[in-house]
C-alpha atoms as a PDB file:
ATOM      1  CA  MET A   1      -6.225  18.998  22.855  1.00  0.00           C
ATOM      2  CA  PHE A   2      -9.682  17.798  21.761  1.00  0.00           C
ATOM      3  CA  GLN A   3     -11.893  14.758  22.294  1.00  0.00           C
ATOM      4  CA  GLY A   4     -12.288  12.375  19.348  1.00  0.00           C
ATOM      5  CA  ASP A   5     -13.191   8.791  18.582  1.00  0.00           C
ATOM      6  CA  PRO A   6     -11.306   6.119  20.583  1.00  0.00           C
ATOM      7  CA  CYS A   7      -7.805   5.518  19.227  1.00  0.00           C
ATOM      8  CA  PRO A   8      -7.547   2.115  17.466  1.00  0.00           C
ATOM      9  CA  GLY A   9      -4.088   1.748  18.989  1.00  0.00           C
ATOM     10  CA  CYS A  10      -4.715   2.445  22.681  1.00  0.00           C
ATOM     11  CA  GLY A  11      -8.334   3.551  23.145  1.00  0.00           C
ATOM     12  CA  GLU A  12      -7.411   7.115  24.195  1.00  0.00           C
ATOM     13  CA  ARG A  13      -9.954   9.771  23.118  1.00  0.00           C
ATOM     14  CA  GLU A  14      -7.821  12.877  23.557  1.00  0.00           C
ATOM     15  CA  ILE A  15      -6.270  14.054  20.289  1.00  0.00           C
ATOM     16  CA  ARG A  16      -4.184  16.844  18.822  1.00  0.00           C
ATOM     17  CA  VAL A  17      -5.158  18.163  15.377  1.00  0.00           C
ATOM     18  CA  LEU A  18      -2.130  18.174  13.064  1.00  0.00           C
ATOM     19  CA  PHE A  19      -3.802  19.651   9.986  1.00  0.00           C
ATOM     20  CA  GLN A  20      -6.799  19.504   7.674  1.00  0.00           C
ATOM     21  CA  SER A  21      -6.775  18.110   4.158  1.00  0.00           C
ATOM     22  CA  THR A  22      -8.992  16.886   1.355  1.00  0.00           C
ATOM     23  CA  ASP A  23      -8.697  14.502  -1.599  1.00  0.00           C
ATOM     24  CA  ARG A  24      -5.845  16.132  -3.544  1.00  0.00           C
ATOM     25  CA  LEU A  25      -5.137  13.135  -5.770  1.00  0.00           C
ATOM     26  CA  TYR A  26      -8.457  11.901  -7.184  1.00  0.00           C
ATOM     27  CA  THR A  27     -10.775  14.787  -6.143  1.00  0.00           C
ATOM     28  CA  THR A  28     -13.586  12.359  -5.293  1.00  0.00           C
ATOM     29  CA  THR A  29     -14.890  14.863  -2.741  1.00  0.00           C
ATOM     30  CA  SER A  30     -14.495  18.466  -1.623  1.00  0.00           C
ATOM     31  CA  GLU A  31     -14.986  17.454   2.032  1.00  0.00           C
ATOM     32  CA  VAL A  32     -12.252  18.541   4.435  1.00  0.00           C
ATOM     33  CA  PHE A  33     -10.914  15.939   6.900  1.00  0.00           C
ATOM     34  CA  GLN A  34      -8.833  16.305  10.036  1.00  0.00           C
ATOM     35  CA  VAL A  35      -5.588  14.377  10.484  1.00  0.00           C
ATOM     36  CA  VAL A  36      -4.990  13.998  14.231  1.00  0.00           C
ATOM     37  CA  GLU A  37      -2.462  12.497  16.641  1.00  0.00           C
ATOM     38  CA  CYS A  38      -3.456  10.437  19.688  1.00  0.00           C
ATOM     39  CA  ARG A  39      -2.341  11.939  22.992  1.00  0.00           C
ATOM     40  CA  GLY A  40      -1.616   8.471  24.412  1.00  0.00           C
ATOM     41  CA  CYS A  41       0.284   6.432  21.792  1.00  0.00           C
ATOM     42  CA  ARG A  42       0.720   9.243  19.203  1.00  0.00           C
ATOM     43  CA  LEU A  43      -0.884   7.197  16.423  1.00  0.00           C
ATOM     44  CA  ILE A  44      -1.847   9.450  13.493  1.00  0.00           C
ATOM     45  CA  ARG A  45      -5.260   8.950  11.904  1.00  0.00           C
ATOM     46  CA  LEU A  46      -8.343  10.526  10.325  1.00  0.00           C
ATOM     47  CA  ASN A  47     -10.871  11.814  12.831  1.00  0.00           C
ATOM     48  CA  PRO A  48     -13.699  11.237  12.497  1.00  0.00           C
ATOM     49  CA  GLN A  49     -13.247   8.381  10.060  1.00  0.00           C
ATOM     50  CA  PRO A  50     -15.756   7.992   7.199  1.00  0.00           C
ATOM     51  CA  ALA A  51     -18.630   5.620   7.884  1.00  0.00           C
ATOM     52  CA  PRO A  52     -17.981   2.103   6.493  1.00  0.00           C
ATOM     53  CA  ASN A  53     -20.946   2.386   4.129  1.00  0.00           C
ATOM     54  CA  GLN A  54     -19.586   5.689   2.763  1.00  0.00           C
ATOM     55  CA  LEU A  55     -15.945   4.759   2.272  1.00  0.00           C
ATOM     56  CA  HIS A  56     -16.452   3.268  -1.200  1.00  0.00           C
ATOM     57  CA  LYS A  57     -17.358   6.643  -2.706  1.00  0.00           C
ATOM     58  CA  TYR A  58     -13.804   7.890  -2.093  1.00  0.00           C
ATOM     59  CA  TYR A  59     -12.294   5.152  -4.283  1.00  0.00           C
ATOM     60  CA  PRO A  60     -12.365   5.793  -8.047  1.00  0.00           C
ATOM     61  CA  GLN A  61     -13.453   2.980 -10.326  1.00  0.00           C
ATOM     62  CA  ASN A  62     -10.464   0.772 -11.240  1.00  0.00           C
ATOM     63  CA  TYR A  63      -8.525   2.161  -8.250  1.00  0.00           C
ATOM     64  CA  TRP A  64      -6.632  -1.164  -8.249  1.00  0.00           C
ATOM     65  CA  PHE A  65      -5.425  -0.334 -11.789  1.00  0.00           C
ATOM     66  CA  SER A  66      -5.054  -2.599 -14.789  1.00  0.00           C
ATOM     67  CA  PRO A  67      -3.889  -0.943 -18.038  1.00  0.00           C
ATOM     68  CA  GLU A  68      -5.516  -1.504 -21.397  1.00  0.00           C
ATOM     69  CA  LYS A  69      -3.613  -3.422 -24.038  1.00  0.00           C
ATOM     70  CA  THR A  70      -2.201  -0.417 -25.901  1.00  0.00           C
ATOM     71  CA  GLN A  71       1.401   0.358 -26.792  1.00  0.00           C
ATOM     72  CA  THR A  72       1.596   3.004 -24.060  1.00  0.00           C
ATOM     73  CA  ALA A  73       0.088   0.581 -21.559  1.00  0.00           C
ATOM     74  CA  ARG A  74       2.697  -2.048 -22.487  1.00  0.00           C
ATOM     75  CA  LEU A  75       5.445   0.466 -21.725  1.00  0.00           C
ATOM     76  CA  GLU A  76       3.759   1.257 -18.402  1.00  0.00           C
ATOM     77  CA  GLN A  77       3.600  -2.447 -17.614  1.00  0.00           C
ATOM     78  CA  LEU A  78       7.317  -2.838 -18.343  1.00  0.00           C
ATOM     79  CA  TYR A  79       8.036   0.076 -15.999  1.00  0.00           C
ATOM     80  CA  ARG A  80       5.842  -1.411 -13.272  1.00  0.00           C
ATOM     81  CA  ARG A  81       7.630  -4.738 -13.612  1.00  0.00           C
ATOM     82  CA  MET A  82      11.007  -3.047 -13.256  1.00  0.00           C
ATOM     83  CA  VAL A  83      10.106  -1.084 -10.117  1.00  0.00           C
ATOM     84  CA  LEU A  84       8.439  -4.121  -8.486  1.00  0.00           C
ATOM     85  CA  MET A  85      11.704  -6.062  -8.456  1.00  0.00           C
ATOM     86  CA  ASP A  86      12.758  -4.904  -4.990  1.00  0.00           C
ATOM     87  CA  HIS A  87       9.400  -6.091  -3.598  1.00  0.00           C
ATOM     88  CA  LEU A  88      10.039  -9.476  -5.214  1.00  0.00           C
ATOM     89  CA  HIS A  89      13.559  -9.713  -3.819  1.00  0.00           C
ATOM     90  CA  PHE A  90      12.352  -8.836  -0.314  1.00  0.00           C
ATOM     91  CA  VAL A  91       9.686 -11.561  -0.392  1.00  0.00           C
ATOM     92  CA  GLU A  92      12.010 -14.114  -1.973  1.00  0.00           C
ATOM     93  CA  ARG A  93      14.579 -13.530   0.760  1.00  0.00           C
ATOM     94  CA  ALA A  94      11.899 -13.989   3.421  1.00  0.00           C
ATOM     95  CA  LEU A  95      10.811 -17.281   1.840  1.00  0.00           C
ATOM     96  CA  GLN A  96      14.393 -18.511   1.584  1.00  0.00           C
ATOM     97  CA  ASP A  97      15.099 -17.656   5.217  1.00  0.00           C
ATOM     98  CA  SER A  98      12.037 -19.530   6.465  1.00  0.00           C
ATOM     99  CA  GLU A  99      12.236 -22.580   4.150  1.00  0.00           C
ATOM    100  CA  GLN A 100       8.543 -23.034   4.955  1.00  0.00           C
ATOM    101  CA  HIS A 101       6.302 -24.722   2.378  1.00  0.00           C
ATOM    102  CA  GLY A 102       2.773 -23.540   1.691  1.00  0.00           C
ATOM    103  CA  ILE A 103       0.666 -20.934  -0.073  1.00  0.00           C
ATOM    104  CA  VAL A 104       1.980 -17.434  -0.829  1.00  0.00           C
ATOM    105  CA  LEU A 105      -1.067 -15.194  -0.284  1.00  0.00           C
ATOM    106  CA  ASP A 106      -1.025 -11.583  -1.520  1.00  0.00           C
ATOM    107  CA  VAL A 107      -3.716  -9.559   0.269  1.00  0.00           C
ATOM    108  CA  GLY A 108      -5.004  -6.591  -1.750  1.00  0.00           C
ATOM    109  CA  CYS A 109      -3.517  -8.090  -4.901  1.00  0.00           C
ATOM    110  CA  GLY A 110      -5.224  -5.724  -7.373  1.00  0.00           C
ATOM    111  CA  GLY A 111      -4.547  -6.811 -10.950  1.00  0.00           C
ATOM    112  CA  GLY A 112      -2.171  -9.557  -9.774  1.00  0.00           C
ATOM    113  CA  LEU A 113       1.078  -8.332 -11.355  1.00  0.00           C
ATOM    114  CA  PHE A 114       3.222  -9.030  -8.277  1.00  0.00           C
ATOM    115  CA  LEU A 115       2.012 -12.644  -8.035  1.00  0.00           C
ATOM    116  CA  GLN A 116       2.337 -13.085 -11.803  1.00  0.00           C
ATOM    117  CA  MET A 117       5.987 -12.056 -11.596  1.00  0.00           C
ATOM    118  CA  LEU A 118       6.582 -14.317  -8.590  1.00  0.00           C
ATOM    119  CA  MET A 119       5.087 -17.288 -10.442  1.00  0.00           C
ATOM    120  CA  GLU A 120       7.163 -16.541 -13.558  1.00  0.00           C
ATOM    121  CA  ARG A 121      10.361 -16.523 -11.498  1.00  0.00           C
ATOM    122  CA  HIS A 122       9.517 -19.755  -9.661  1.00  0.00           C
ATOM    123  CA  ARG A 123       7.878 -21.989 -12.240  1.00  0.00           C
ATOM    124  CA  THR A 124       9.191 -25.046 -10.414  1.00  0.00           C
ATOM    125  CA  GLY A 125       6.948 -24.190  -7.446  1.00  0.00           C
ATOM    126  CA  ALA A 126       9.847 -23.274  -5.167  1.00  0.00           C
ATOM    127  CA  ALA A 127       7.881 -20.268  -3.933  1.00  0.00           C
ATOM    128  CA  GLY A 128       4.800 -22.419  -3.264  1.00  0.00           C
ATOM    129  CA  PRO A 129       1.373 -22.022  -4.889  1.00  0.00           C
ATOM    130  CA  CYS A 130       0.407 -18.356  -5.258  1.00  0.00           C
ATOM    131  CA  MET A 131      -3.008 -16.879  -4.528  1.00  0.00           C
ATOM    132  CA  GLY A 132      -4.484 -13.398  -4.290  1.00  0.00           C
ATOM    133  CA  LEU A 133      -7.211 -11.811  -2.180  1.00  0.00           C
ATOM    134  CA  ASP A 134      -9.005  -8.553  -2.962  1.00  0.00           C
ATOM    135  CA  PHE A 135     -12.266  -6.766  -2.162  1.00  0.00           C
ATOM    136  CA  SER A 136     -12.786  -5.860  -5.824  1.00  0.00           C
ATOM    137  CA  LEU A 137     -14.499  -8.350  -8.141  1.00  0.00           C
ATOM    138  CA  ASP A 138     -13.149  -6.412 -11.151  1.00  0.00           C
ATOM    139  CA  ALA A 139      -9.595  -6.654  -9.795  1.00  0.00           C
ATOM    140  CA  ALA A 140     -10.003 -10.388  -9.174  1.00  0.00           C
ATOM    141  CA  SER A 141     -11.350 -10.898 -12.694  1.00  0.00           C
ATOM    142  CA  SER A 142      -8.422  -9.005 -14.198  1.00  0.00           C
ATOM    143  CA  ALA A 143      -5.918 -10.988 -12.131  1.00  0.00           C
ATOM    144  CA  TRP A 144      -7.492 -14.261 -13.293  1.00  0.00           C
ATOM    145  CA  HIS A 145      -7.790 -13.419 -16.984  1.00  0.00           C
ATOM    146  CA  ARG A 146      -4.811 -11.132 -17.612  1.00  0.00           C
ATOM    147  CA  SER A 147      -2.264 -12.350 -15.090  1.00  0.00           C
ATOM    148  CA  GLY A 148      -3.285 -15.993 -14.665  1.00  0.00           C
ATOM    149  CA  VAL A 149      -3.462 -15.577 -10.864  1.00  0.00           C
ATOM    150  CA  PRO A 150      -6.127 -17.363  -8.777  1.00  0.00           C
ATOM    151  CA  VAL A 151      -7.875 -14.761  -6.606  1.00  0.00           C
ATOM    152  CA  MET A 152     -10.486 -14.894  -3.854  1.00  0.00           C
ATOM    153  CA  VAL A 153     -12.869 -11.958  -3.366  1.00  0.00           C
ATOM    154  CA  GLY A 154     -13.521 -10.882   0.202  1.00  0.00           C
ATOM    155  CA  SER A 155     -11.899 -10.099   3.528  1.00  0.00           C
ATOM    156  CA  LEU A 156      -8.851 -11.773   5.044  1.00  0.00           C
ATOM    157  CA  THR A 157     -10.748 -12.212   8.308  1.00  0.00           C
ATOM    158  CA  ASP A 158     -13.221 -14.479   6.448  1.00  0.00           C
ATOM    159  CA  SER A 159     -10.674 -16.344   4.318  1.00  0.00           C
ATOM    160  CA  PRO A 160     -11.614 -19.969   3.514  1.00  0.00           C
ATOM    161  CA  LEU A 161      -7.961 -21.048   3.707  1.00  0.00           C
ATOM    162  CA  ALA A 162      -7.029 -23.518   6.423  1.00  0.00           C
ATOM    163  CA  PRO A 163      -5.089 -22.307   9.485  1.00  0.00           C
ATOM    164  CA  GLY A 164      -1.345 -22.836   9.060  1.00  0.00           C
ATOM    165  CA  SER A 165      -1.630 -23.312   5.281  1.00  0.00           C
ATOM    166  CA  CYS A 166       0.431 -20.271   4.199  1.00  0.00           C
ATOM    167  CA  ALA A 167       4.200 -19.994   3.902  1.00  0.00           C
ATOM    168  CA  ALA A 168       3.889 -16.234   3.443  1.00  0.00           C
ATOM    169  CA  VAL A 169       1.232 -13.534   3.554  1.00  0.00           C
ATOM    170  CA  THR A 170       1.990 -10.204   1.875  1.00  0.00           C
ATOM    171  CA  MET A 171       0.137  -6.913   2.394  1.00  0.00           C
ATOM    172  CA  PHE A 172       1.473  -4.063   0.273  1.00  0.00           C
ATOM    173  CA  HIS A 173      -0.341  -0.805   1.150  1.00  0.00           C
ATOM    174  CA  VAL A 174      -3.318  -2.499   2.786  1.00  0.00           C
ATOM    175  CA  LEU A 175      -3.239  -1.825   6.540  1.00  0.00           C
ATOM    176  CA  GLU A 176      -3.536   1.956   6.241  1.00  0.00           C
ATOM    177  CA  HIS A 177      -6.913   1.524   4.475  1.00  0.00           C
ATOM    178  CA  LEU A 178      -8.504  -0.552   7.260  1.00  0.00           C
ATOM    179  CA  PHE A 179     -10.702   0.462  10.172  1.00  0.00           C
ATOM    180  CA  ASP A 180      -9.232  -2.388  12.224  1.00  0.00           C
ATOM    181  CA  PRO A 181      -5.768  -3.328  10.917  1.00  0.00           C
ATOM    182  CA  ALA A 182      -5.131  -5.588  13.942  1.00  0.00           C
ATOM    183  CA  SER A 183      -7.877  -7.954  12.735  1.00  0.00           C
ATOM    184  CA  TYR A 184      -5.979  -8.511   9.453  1.00  0.00           C
ATOM    185  CA  VAL A 185      -2.638  -9.036  11.203  1.00  0.00           C
ATOM    186  CA  GLU A 186      -4.247 -11.539  13.585  1.00  0.00           C
ATOM    187  CA  ALA A 187      -5.917 -13.316  10.651  1.00  0.00           C
ATOM    188  CA  ALA A 188      -2.537 -13.565   8.896  1.00  0.00           C
ATOM    189  CA  HIS A 189      -1.043 -15.054  12.089  1.00  0.00           C
ATOM    190  CA  ARG A 190      -3.675 -17.800  12.046  1.00  0.00           C
ATOM    191  CA  LEU A 191      -3.113 -18.605   8.365  1.00  0.00           C
ATOM    192  CA  LEU A 192       0.680 -18.769   8.560  1.00  0.00           C
ATOM    193  CA  ALA A 193       2.592 -21.975   9.211  1.00  0.00           C
ATOM    194  CA  PRO A 194       4.772 -21.961  12.376  1.00  0.00           C
ATOM    195  CA  ASP A 195       7.844 -20.604  10.535  1.00  0.00           C
ATOM    196  CA  GLY A 196       5.841 -18.583   7.998  1.00  0.00           C
ATOM    197  CA  ARG A 197       6.534 -14.976   7.057  1.00  0.00           C
ATOM    198  CA  LEU A 198       4.313 -11.894   7.050  1.00  0.00           C
ATOM    199  CA  ILE A 199       5.506  -9.080   4.767  1.00  0.00           C
ATOM    200  CA  VAL A 200       3.766  -5.709   5.163  1.00  0.00           C
ATOM    201  CA  GLN A 201       4.405  -2.326   3.572  1.00  0.00           C
ATOM    202  CA  VAL A 202       2.839   1.025   4.495  1.00  0.00           C
ATOM    203  CA  PRO A 203       3.631   4.719   3.986  1.00  0.00           C
ATOM    204  CA  ASN A 204       5.964   5.808   6.776  1.00  0.00           C
ATOM    205  CA  ALA A 205       4.701   8.793   8.790  1.00  0.00           C
ATOM    206  CA  SER A 206       8.126   9.079  10.434  1.00  0.00           C
ATOM    207  CA  SER A 207       9.678   9.890   7.041  1.00  0.00           C
ATOM    208  CA  TRP A 208      11.421  13.046   5.916  1.00  0.00           C
ATOM    209  CA  GLN A 209       8.789  13.435   3.215  1.00  0.00           C
ATOM    210  CA  PHE A 210       6.005  13.698   5.795  1.00  0.00           C
ATOM    211  CA  LEU A 211       7.991  16.349   7.688  1.00  0.00           C
ATOM    212  CA  LEU A 212       8.678  18.203   4.424  1.00  0.00           C
ATOM    213  CA  PHE A 213       5.221  18.140   2.811  1.00  0.00           C
ATOM    214  CA  GLY A 214       2.784  17.788   5.748  1.00  0.00           C
ATOM    215  CA  GLU A 215      -0.816  17.778   4.511  1.00  0.00           C
ATOM    216  CA  ARG A 216       0.489  17.731   0.910  1.00  0.00           C
ATOM    217  CA  TRP A 217       2.351  14.444   1.430  1.00  0.00           C
ATOM    218  CA  ASN A 218       1.073  11.774  -0.932  1.00  0.00           C
ATOM    219  CA  GLY A 219       1.428   9.140   1.813  1.00  0.00           C
ATOM    220  CA  ILE A 220      -1.525  10.404   3.851  1.00  0.00           C
ATOM    221  CA  ASP A 221      -3.873  10.075   0.824  1.00  0.00           C
ATOM    222  CA  VAL A 222      -6.889  11.645   2.534  1.00  0.00           C
ATOM    223  CA  PRO A 223      -9.546  10.232   2.925  1.00  0.00           C
ATOM    224  CA  ARG A 224      -8.588   6.700   1.840  1.00  0.00           C
ATOM    225  CA  HIS A 225      -5.814   6.226   4.423  1.00  0.00           C
ATOM    226  CA  LEU A 226      -7.536   5.874   7.773  1.00  0.00           C
ATOM    227  CA  ILE A 227      -4.337   5.363   9.786  1.00  0.00           C
ATOM    228  CA  ASP A 228      -0.886   6.850   9.119  1.00  0.00           C
ATOM    229  CA  PHE A 229       1.676   4.503  10.672  1.00  0.00           C
ATOM    230  CA  ARG A 230       5.083   5.474  11.940  1.00  0.00           C
ATOM    231  CA  THR A 231       7.575   2.586  11.909  1.00  0.00           C
ATOM    232  CA  ARG A 232       7.257   2.179  15.683  1.00  0.00           C
ATOM    233  CA  ASP A 233       3.446   2.016  15.403  1.00  0.00           C
ATOM    234  CA  LEU A 234       3.678  -0.870  12.966  1.00  0.00           C
ATOM    235  CA  ASP A 235       6.322  -2.652  15.055  1.00  0.00           C
ATOM    236  CA  ARG A 236       4.075  -2.324  18.112  1.00  0.00           C
ATOM    237  CA  LEU A 237       1.040  -3.680  16.218  1.00  0.00           C
ATOM    238  CA  LEU A 238       2.973  -6.693  14.907  1.00  0.00           C
ATOM    239  CA  ASP A 239       4.383  -7.465  18.341  1.00  0.00           C
ATOM    240  CA  ALA A 240       0.916  -7.282  19.942  1.00  0.00           C
ATOM    241  CA  CYS A 241      -0.384  -9.778  17.363  1.00  0.00           C
ATOM    242  CA  GLY A 242       2.343 -12.346  18.082  1.00  0.00           C
ATOM    243  CA  PHE A 243       4.960 -11.539  15.428  1.00  0.00           C
ATOM    244  CA  GLU A 244       8.698 -11.030  15.741  1.00  0.00           C
ATOM    245  CA  VAL A 245      10.054  -8.267  13.491  1.00  0.00           C
ATOM    246  CA  LEU A 246      13.053  -9.586  11.535  1.00  0.00           C
ATOM    247  CA  ARG A 247      13.861  -6.899   8.983  1.00  0.00           C
ATOM    248  CA  HIS A 248      12.970  -3.341   7.905  1.00  0.00           C
ATOM    249  CA  LYS A 249      13.365  -1.850   4.440  1.00  0.00           C
ATOM    250  CA  TYR A 250      12.867   1.898   3.920  1.00  0.00           C
ATOM    251  CA  PHE A 251      13.262   2.234   0.163  1.00  0.00           C
ATOM    252  CA  SER A 252      10.843   1.191  -2.560  1.00  0.00           C
ATOM    253  CA  LEU A 253      11.785   1.989  -6.140  1.00  0.00           C
ATOM    254  CA  ARG A 254       8.108   1.750  -7.056  1.00  0.00           C
ATOM    255  CA  ASP A 255       6.732   3.974  -4.306  1.00  0.00           C
ATOM    256  CA  ASN A 256       9.231   6.406  -2.794  1.00  0.00           C
ATOM    257  CA  PRO A 257      10.372   8.522  -5.807  1.00  0.00           C
ATOM    258  CA  ALA A 258       6.918   8.433  -7.435  1.00  0.00           C
ATOM    259  CA  GLY A 259       5.268   9.347  -4.138  1.00  0.00           C
ATOM    260  CA  MET A 260       7.506  12.402  -3.803  1.00  0.00           C
ATOM    261  CA  ALA A 261       6.767  13.443  -7.393  1.00  0.00           C
ATOM    262  CA  THR A 262       3.026  13.156  -6.721  1.00  0.00           C
ATOM    263  CA  SER A 263       3.354  15.189  -3.510  1.00  0.00           C
ATOM    264  CA  ILE A 264       5.009  17.973  -5.537  1.00  0.00           C
ATOM    265  CA  ALA A 265       2.640  17.872  -8.533  1.00  0.00           C
ATOM    266  CA  PRO A 266      -0.465  15.682  -8.000  1.00  0.00           C
ATOM    267  CA  GLN A 267      -1.971  17.086 -11.202  1.00  0.00           C
ATOM    268  CA  LEU A 268       0.761  15.291 -13.194  1.00  0.00           C
ATOM    269  CA  ASP A 269       0.274  11.829 -11.659  1.00  0.00           C
ATOM    270  CA  PRO A 270      -0.558   9.562 -14.642  1.00  0.00           C
ATOM    271  CA  MET A 271      -2.885   7.173 -12.792  1.00  0.00           C
ATOM    272  CA  SER A 272      -4.748  10.054 -11.161  1.00  0.00           C
ATOM    273  CA  ARG A 273      -5.265  11.699 -14.546  1.00  0.00           C
ATOM    274  CA  ARG A 274      -6.491   8.426 -16.028  1.00  0.00           C
ATOM    275  CA  LEU A 275      -8.927   7.621 -13.223  1.00  0.00           C
ATOM    276  CA  ARG A 276     -10.252  11.211 -13.085  1.00  0.00           C
ATOM    277  CA  GLY A 277     -10.940  11.027 -16.819  1.00  0.00           C
ATOM    278  CA  VAL A 278      -8.876  14.107 -17.645  1.00  0.00           C
ATOM    279  CA  GLU A 279      -9.294  14.931 -21.336  1.00  0.00           C
ATOM    280  CA  GLU A 280      -5.903  15.418 -23.002  1.00  0.00           C
ATOM    281  CA  THR A 281      -4.500  15.507 -26.492  1.00  0.00           C
ATOM    282  CA  ASP A 282      -1.749  13.011 -27.272  1.00  0.00           C
ATOM    283  CA  ARG A 283       0.810  15.824 -27.180  1.00  0.00           C
ATOM    284  CA  THR A 284      -0.424  17.092 -23.789  1.00  0.00           C
ATOM    285  CA  ARG A 285      -0.451  13.587 -22.342  1.00  0.00           C
ATOM    286  CA  LEU A 286       3.102  12.962 -23.541  1.00  0.00           C
ATOM    287  CA  PHE A 287       4.293  16.295 -22.132  1.00  0.00           C
ATOM    288  CA  LYS A 288       2.721  15.609 -18.707  1.00  0.00           C
ATOM    289  CA  ASP A 289       4.028  12.035 -18.620  1.00  0.00           C
ATOM    290  CA  LEU A 290       7.568  13.194 -19.420  1.00  0.00           C
ATOM    291  CA  ALA A 291       7.359  15.999 -16.843  1.00  0.00           C
ATOM    292  CA  TYR A 292       6.190  13.514 -14.214  1.00  0.00           C
ATOM    293  CA  LEU A 293       8.923  11.037 -15.140  1.00  0.00           C
ATOM    294  CA  GLY A 294      11.471  13.842 -14.809  1.00  0.00           C
ATOM    295  CA  LEU A 295      10.164  14.632 -11.316  1.00  0.00           C
ATOM    296  CA  VAL A 296      10.395  10.943 -10.364  1.00  0.00           C
ATOM    297  CA  ALA A 297      13.991  10.757 -11.587  1.00  0.00           C
ATOM    298  CA  ALA A 298      14.908  13.978  -9.783  1.00  0.00           C
ATOM    299  CA  SER A 299      13.411  12.583  -6.563  1.00  0.00           C
ATOM    300  CA  VAL A 300      15.580   9.448  -6.525  1.00  0.00           C
ATOM    301  CA  PRO A 301      18.665  10.939  -4.760  1.00  0.00           C
ATOM    302  CA  PHE A 302      16.598  12.451  -1.932  1.00  0.00           C
ATOM    303  CA  THR A 303      14.554   9.260  -1.433  1.00  0.00           C
ATOM    304  CA  VAL A 304      17.680   7.098  -1.378  1.00  0.00           C
ATOM    305  CA  LEU A 305      19.246   9.400   1.243  1.00  0.00           C
ATOM    306  CA  GLU A 306      16.188   9.426   3.509  1.00  0.00           C
ATOM    307  CA  ALA A 307      15.931   5.637   3.256  1.00  0.00           C
ATOM    308  CA  ALA A 308      19.618   5.270   4.171  1.00  0.00           C
ATOM    309  CA  CYS A 309      18.828   7.307   7.308  1.00  0.00           C
ATOM    310  CA  ARG A 310      15.903   4.936   8.126  1.00  0.00           C
ATOM    311  CA  ALA A 311      13.409   7.693   7.324  1.00  0.00           C
ATOM    312  CA  GLY A 312      12.119   6.523   3.939  1.00  0.00           C
ATOM    313  CA  ALA A 313       8.622   7.397   2.755  1.00  0.00           C
ATOM    314  CA  THR A 314       7.599   3.739   2.981  1.00  0.00           C
ATOM    315  CA  VAL A 315       8.571   0.950   5.338  1.00  0.00           C
ATOM    316  CA  MET A 316       8.492  -2.735   4.429  1.00  0.00           C
ATOM    317  CA  ILE A 317       8.717  -5.228   7.300  1.00  0.00           C
END
């Protein structure tokens, strides 16, 4: 056991080092970081965490991703639309169960594709007005101009929206990037109407993939993921912030098979290659893309099985 920074979950300083890792996916740094477990609540996190004014250097430009208007990019966009359908269905079910009217706010919206698809499916306004929030001005601009989604730039804790104005707040792969995830959950609680719904998704550190790959698991994404939540950690956080957990989902067609493929061969990940500026001939790019797609397809049976056992690589609540 060692002494570290206070745990964001319980304040305990005593930690156990699980392993060391570096940025395997985007190679933004050669620094080595420790992934540790709190002795008190067993929350897994980076220790020490990067300074807030240094964190930006670990995010590649266009990390939020918006493809160019090429034929290949159009095919990628069709694929992304297909694999986002289970996210849409999860949110639509939550909205139907609550029957609450108000804004649907997507926090960390990136290029706005999820909200664009939601608006296309509910042109009558049944899902309520849609709005995005993101730190990135470039992401917000892309969402406005390419996806037709209104987006605010900034932090959820400083949102100009009125308390109780939201029917739903969604956070897909946001909380694990935050120094203080409780502040975002509390802010969402204030913005939601009395019967509103919060939908969050994070990588699941109680998954089979984490046990299988350890420091090579794509879900820890060192050093961008500051906290690695187990399902019980997220349940405990939501309960402490005044929420009742209604439903868990352990499979994501977008994230689980692709995450396993990236854990096996990060050098083949198409977005990583694009953002790292890897120079490739058309033939090489096609070969790598097909090899990666084959790995994704081969990963589907395992990821479906682990999700059926409530040990999927992501958890959506």
